[in-house]
Amino acid sequence: MALSWKLVIDSTNAPVLADFWAAALEYEVEDPSALVEQLLAAGQIGEEAVTEHRGRKTFRGHAAIRHPEDPFDETSGIGRGRRLLFQDVPEGKRGKNRLHLDVHSEPGGLDTLLARLEALGAIRVREVDKGPAGHWWIMQDPEGNEFCVA
C-alpha cells in the first residue's frame, strides 16, 4: 500500500510563506481555526500556541496549503492529498536547497507565469538553457528557497 506524505518546508514566517506558495500554485491555505478553538476550549493547548493570521486563529509557527480539489478534514482543515506544510525554525537558510519544487507553465505561458510569480515576491536568479531540451528559470521564494519554473 502506498504511503501518504506531505512536504515540510522550514521557514522564518510560516503564514507568509504559505500565502506566497498558495498564490503561486493556486492552492488553498488550510484553515485550522475550528480545531484551534476546540483545543483551546478543552484546555489542550494554551493561548501561547496560537496566533492570528488574516483573521483566522492558527497554530503559532505553522501553516499549510493544499490542492483545492483534494479531500480535507472539515474540522481541522488538514488536506488529505497534495499538501505543503511550513514550519518556523530558529536557524536561517544556510545554503542551496537539497530539495526544491518545479513549477510548470502552460504551453507558451512561461513569461506570464514568471511575471505572476515575481509580482507575488519571487526573484529570478538565472536562466538555464538546455538546448533542444528547452530552458527554465531558477527563482527564489520570499525566504530565498530556490525553485525552478519551466
C-alpha atoms as a PDB file:
ATOM      1  CA  MET A   1       0.000   0.000   0.000  1.00  0.00           C
ATOM      2  CA  ALA A   2       1.357   3.434  -0.921  1.00  0.00           C
ATOM      3  CA  LEU A   3       2.182   5.777   1.935  1.00  0.00           C
ATOM      4  CA  SER A   4       0.677   9.223   2.315  1.00  0.00           C
ATOM      5  CA  TRP A   5       3.065  12.139   2.741  1.00  0.00           C
ATOM      6  CA  LYS A   6       3.404  15.923   2.867  1.00  0.00           C
ATOM      7  CA  LEU A   7       6.375  18.117   2.040  1.00  0.00           C
ATOM      8  CA  VAL A   8       7.564  20.121   5.056  1.00  0.00           C
ATOM      9  CA  ILE A   9       9.443  23.362   4.398  1.00  0.00           C
ATOM     10  CA  ASP A  10      11.381  25.181   7.119  1.00  0.00           C
ATOM     11  CA  SER A  11      10.663  28.904   7.293  1.00  0.00           C
ATOM     12  CA  THR A  12      11.026  32.042   9.349  1.00  0.00           C
ATOM     13  CA  ASN A  13       7.411  33.163   8.855  1.00  0.00           C
ATOM     14  CA  ALA A  14       5.220  30.163   8.025  1.00  0.00           C
ATOM     15  CA  PRO A  15       1.927  32.001   7.374  1.00  0.00           C
ATOM     16  CA  VAL A  16       3.525  34.487   4.980  1.00  0.00           C
ATOM     17  CA  LEU A  17       5.401  31.772   3.079  1.00  0.00           C
ATOM     18  CA  ALA A  18       2.211  29.673   2.919  1.00  0.00           C
ATOM     19  CA  ASP A  19       0.378  32.667   1.444  1.00  0.00           C
ATOM     20  CA  PHE A  20       3.075  33.040  -1.232  1.00  0.00           C
ATOM     21  CA  TRP A  21       3.054  29.363  -2.230  1.00  0.00           C
ATOM     22  CA  ALA A  22      -0.750  29.129  -2.138  1.00  0.00           C
ATOM     23  CA  ALA A  23      -0.944  32.025  -4.597  1.00  0.00           C
ATOM     24  CA  ALA A  24       1.959  30.688  -6.697  1.00  0.00           C
ATOM     25  CA  LEU A  25       0.477  27.177  -7.041  1.00  0.00           C
ATOM     26  CA  GLU A  26      -3.175  28.254  -6.865  1.00  0.00           C
ATOM     27  CA  TYR A  27      -3.602  26.097  -3.765  1.00  0.00           C
ATOM     28  CA  GLU A  28      -5.721  26.803  -0.677  1.00  0.00           C
ATOM     29  CA  VAL A  29      -4.304  27.883   2.671  1.00  0.00           C
ATOM     30  CA  GLU A  30      -5.608  25.425   5.247  1.00  0.00           C
ATOM     31  CA  ASP A  31      -7.902  26.877   7.917  1.00  0.00           C
ATOM     32  CA  PRO A  32      -7.334  25.120  11.258  1.00  0.00           C
ATOM     33  CA  SER A  33      -9.337  27.718  13.233  1.00  0.00           C
ATOM     34  CA  ALA A  34     -12.145  25.305  14.227  1.00  0.00           C
ATOM     35  CA  LEU A  35      -9.592  22.801  15.567  1.00  0.00           C
ATOM     36  CA  VAL A  36      -7.663  25.562  17.365  1.00  0.00           C
ATOM     37  CA  GLU A  37     -10.867  26.780  19.048  1.00  0.00           C
ATOM     38  CA  GLN A  38     -11.775  23.206  20.034  1.00  0.00           C
ATOM     39  CA  LEU A  39      -8.326  22.558  21.566  1.00  0.00           C
ATOM     40  CA  LEU A  40      -8.337  25.904  23.398  1.00  0.00           C
ATOM     41  CA  ALA A  41     -11.818  25.259  24.839  1.00  0.00           C
ATOM     42  CA  ALA A  42     -10.759  21.800  26.022  1.00  0.00           C
ATOM     43  CA  GLY A  43      -7.617  23.200  27.664  1.00  0.00           C
ATOM     44  CA  GLN A  44      -5.398  21.014  25.464  1.00  0.00           C
ATOM     45  CA  ILE A  45      -3.389  23.998  24.234  1.00  0.00           C
ATOM     46  CA  GLY A  46      -2.786  27.445  25.680  1.00  0.00           C
ATOM     47  CA  GLU A  47      -3.015  30.859  24.050  1.00  0.00           C
ATOM     48  CA  GLU A  48       0.801  30.869  23.625  1.00  0.00           C
ATOM     49  CA  ALA A  49       0.415  28.099  20.997  1.00  0.00           C
ATOM     50  CA  VAL A  50      -1.958  30.221  18.912  1.00  0.00           C
ATOM     51  CA  THR A  51      -1.625  33.240  16.670  1.00  0.00           C
ATOM     52  CA  GLU A  52      -3.928  35.010  14.260  1.00  0.00           C
ATOM     53  CA  HIS A  53      -3.259  35.421  10.550  1.00  0.00           C
ATOM     54  CA  ARG A  54      -5.660  37.070   8.118  1.00  0.00           C
ATOM     55  CA  GLY A  55      -8.440  36.992  10.704  1.00  0.00           C
ATOM     56  CA  ARG A  56      -8.116  33.264  11.481  1.00  0.00           C
ATOM     57  CA  LYS A  57      -6.739  31.545  14.557  1.00  0.00           C
ATOM     58  CA  THR A  58      -3.905  29.223  13.655  1.00  0.00           C
ATOM     59  CA  PHE A  59      -1.098  27.293  15.302  1.00  0.00           C
ATOM     60  CA  ARG A  60       1.908  29.531  16.021  1.00  0.00           C
ATOM     61  CA  GLY A  61       4.824  28.777  13.699  1.00  0.00           C
ATOM     62  CA  HIS A  62       2.876  26.525  11.334  1.00  0.00           C
ATOM     63  CA  ALA A  63       0.833  26.965   8.173  1.00  0.00           C
ATOM     64  CA  ALA A  64      -0.122  24.590   5.387  1.00  0.00           C
ATOM     65  CA  ILE A  65      -1.559  24.675   1.904  1.00  0.00           C
ATOM     66  CA  ARG A  66      -3.421  22.021  -0.051  1.00  0.00           C
ATOM     67  CA  HIS A  67      -4.582  21.363  -3.581  1.00  0.00           C
ATOM     68  CA  PRO A  68      -8.125  22.770  -3.933  1.00  0.00           C
ATOM     69  CA  GLU A  69      -9.502  19.574  -5.494  1.00  0.00           C
ATOM     70  CA  ASP A  70      -8.129  17.175  -2.863  1.00  0.00           C
ATOM     71  CA  PRO A  71     -10.192  15.973   0.108  1.00  0.00           C
ATOM     72  CA  PHE A  72      -9.666  17.564   3.516  1.00  0.00           C
ATOM     73  CA  ASP A  73     -10.876  17.162   7.077  1.00  0.00           C
ATOM     74  CA  GLU A  74     -13.720  19.628   7.724  1.00  0.00           C
ATOM     75  CA  THR A  75     -12.797  20.148  11.403  1.00  0.00           C
ATOM     76  CA  SER A  76      -9.034  20.526  11.203  1.00  0.00           C
ATOM     77  CA  GLY A  77      -8.785  21.871   7.651  1.00  0.00           C
ATOM     78  CA  ILE A  78      -5.938  19.409   7.039  1.00  0.00           C
ATOM     79  CA  GLY A  79      -5.643  18.229   3.464  1.00  0.00           C
ATOM     80  CA  ARG A  80      -5.580  14.528   2.654  1.00  0.00           C
ATOM     81  CA  GLY A  81      -3.741  14.868  -0.638  1.00  0.00           C
ATOM     82  CA  ARG A  82      -1.174  17.169  -2.191  1.00  0.00           C
ATOM     83  CA  ARG A  83      -0.008  19.315   0.709  1.00  0.00           C
ATOM     84  CA  LEU A  84       2.860  21.588   1.799  1.00  0.00           C
ATOM     85  CA  LEU A  85       3.446  22.349   5.483  1.00  0.00           C
ATOM     86  CA  PHE A  86       5.560  25.340   6.504  1.00  0.00           C
ATOM     87  CA  GLN A  87       7.128  25.333   9.958  1.00  0.00           C
ATOM     88  CA  ASP A  88       9.138  28.055  11.622  1.00  0.00           C
ATOM     89  CA  VAL A  89      12.650  27.100  12.716  1.00  0.00           C
ATOM     90  CA  PRO A  90      15.132  29.222  14.669  1.00  0.00           C
ATOM     91  CA  GLU A  91      18.029  28.901  12.222  1.00  0.00           C
ATOM     92  CA  GLY A  92      18.106  30.594   8.844  1.00  0.00           C
ATOM     93  CA  LYS A  93      18.738  29.033   5.445  1.00  0.00           C
ATOM     94  CA  ARG A  94      22.439  28.257   5.075  1.00  0.00           C
ATOM     95  CA  GLY A  95      22.994  27.000   1.551  1.00  0.00           C
ATOM     96  CA  LYS A  96      21.477  25.534  -1.564  1.00  0.00           C
ATOM     97  CA  ASN A  97      18.262  23.601  -1.127  1.00  0.00           C
ATOM     98  CA  ARG A  98      18.724  19.846  -1.473  1.00  0.00           C
ATOM     99  CA  LEU A  99      15.059  19.518  -2.437  1.00  0.00           C
ATOM    100  CA  HIS A 100      13.000  22.011  -4.407  1.00  0.00           C
ATOM    101  CA  LEU A 101       9.745  22.454  -6.291  1.00  0.00           C
ATOM    102  CA  ASP A 102       9.461  22.667 -10.063  1.00  0.00           C
ATOM    103  CA  VAL A 103       6.552  24.820 -11.243  1.00  0.00           C
ATOM    104  CA  HIS A 104       5.383  24.197 -14.813  1.00  0.00           C
ATOM    105  CA  SER A 105       3.631  26.722 -17.021  1.00  0.00           C
ATOM    106  CA  GLU A 106       1.000  26.046 -19.624  1.00  0.00           C
ATOM    107  CA  PRO A 107       2.499  25.640 -23.125  1.00  0.00           C
ATOM    108  CA  GLY A 108       3.644  29.081 -24.262  1.00  0.00           C
ATOM    109  CA  GLY A 109       2.884  30.619 -20.869  1.00  0.00           C
ATOM    110  CA  LEU A 110       6.350  30.801 -19.306  1.00  0.00           C
ATOM    111  CA  ASP A 111       6.700  34.593 -19.471  1.00  0.00           C
ATOM    112  CA  THR A 112       3.243  35.115 -17.970  1.00  0.00           C
ATOM    113  CA  LEU A 113       3.974  32.682 -15.135  1.00  0.00           C
ATOM    114  CA  LEU A 114       7.355  34.284 -14.426  1.00  0.00           C
ATOM    115  CA  ALA A 115       5.759  37.739 -14.240  1.00  0.00           C
ATOM    116  CA  ARG A 116       2.981  36.469 -11.931  1.00  0.00           C
ATOM    117  CA  LEU A 117       5.495  34.823  -9.582  1.00  0.00           C
ATOM    118  CA  GLU A 118       7.617  37.989  -9.491  1.00  0.00           C
ATOM    119  CA  ALA A 119       4.520  40.034  -8.645  1.00  0.00           C
ATOM    120  CA  LEU A 120       3.988  37.679  -5.674  1.00  0.00           C
ATOM    121  CA  GLY A 121       7.543  38.309  -4.434  1.00  0.00           C
ATOM    122  CA  ALA A 122       9.689  35.691  -6.205  1.00  0.00           C
ATOM    123  CA  ILE A 123      13.072  36.681  -7.633  1.00  0.00           C
ATOM    124  CA  ARG A 124      14.627  35.417 -10.874  1.00  0.00           C
ATOM    125  CA  VAL A 125      18.114  34.067 -10.206  1.00  0.00           C
ATOM    126  CA  ARG A 126      19.232  32.762 -13.589  1.00  0.00           C
ATOM    127  CA  GLU A 127      18.044  31.209 -16.814  1.00  0.00           C
ATOM    128  CA  VAL A 128      19.128  27.663 -17.631  1.00  0.00           C
ATOM    129  CA  ASP A 129      19.325  26.740 -21.320  1.00  0.00           C
ATOM    130  CA  LYS A 130      19.433  23.041 -22.155  1.00  0.00           C
ATOM    131  CA  GLY A 131      19.397  23.448 -25.932  1.00  0.00           C
ATOM    132  CA  PRO A 132      16.796  21.182 -27.589  1.00  0.00           C
ATOM    133  CA  ALA A 133      15.572  20.104 -24.130  1.00  0.00           C
ATOM    134  CA  GLY A 134      14.359  23.668 -23.550  1.00  0.00           C
ATOM    135  CA  HIS A 135      15.067  26.248 -20.910  1.00  0.00           C
ATOM    136  CA  TRP A 136      13.799  27.206 -17.488  1.00  0.00           C
ATOM    137  CA  TRP A 137      14.422  29.723 -14.751  1.00  0.00           C
ATOM    138  CA  ILE A 138      15.809  29.228 -11.269  1.00  0.00           C
ATOM    139  CA  MET A 139      13.922  31.520  -8.904  1.00  0.00           C
ATOM    140  CA  GLN A 140      13.765  32.172  -5.165  1.00  0.00           C
ATOM    141  CA  ASP A 141      10.678  32.495  -2.995  1.00  0.00           C
ATOM    142  CA  PRO A 142      10.445  35.391  -0.490  1.00  0.00           C
ATOM    143  CA  GLU A 143      12.635  33.487   2.014  1.00  0.00           C
ATOM    144  CA  GLY A 144      15.334  32.610  -0.536  1.00  0.00           C
ATOM    145  CA  ASN A 145      14.314  28.994  -1.213  1.00  0.00           C
ATOM    146  CA  GLU A 146      15.191  28.002  -4.770  1.00  0.00           C
ATOM    147  CA  PHE A 147      12.630  26.606  -7.185  1.00  0.00           C
ATOM    148  CA  CYS A 148      12.520  26.076 -10.927  1.00  0.00           C
ATOM    149  CA  VAL A 149       9.990  27.433 -13.408  1.00  0.00           C
ATOM    150  CA  ALA A 150       9.696  25.702 -16.773  1.00  0.00           C
END
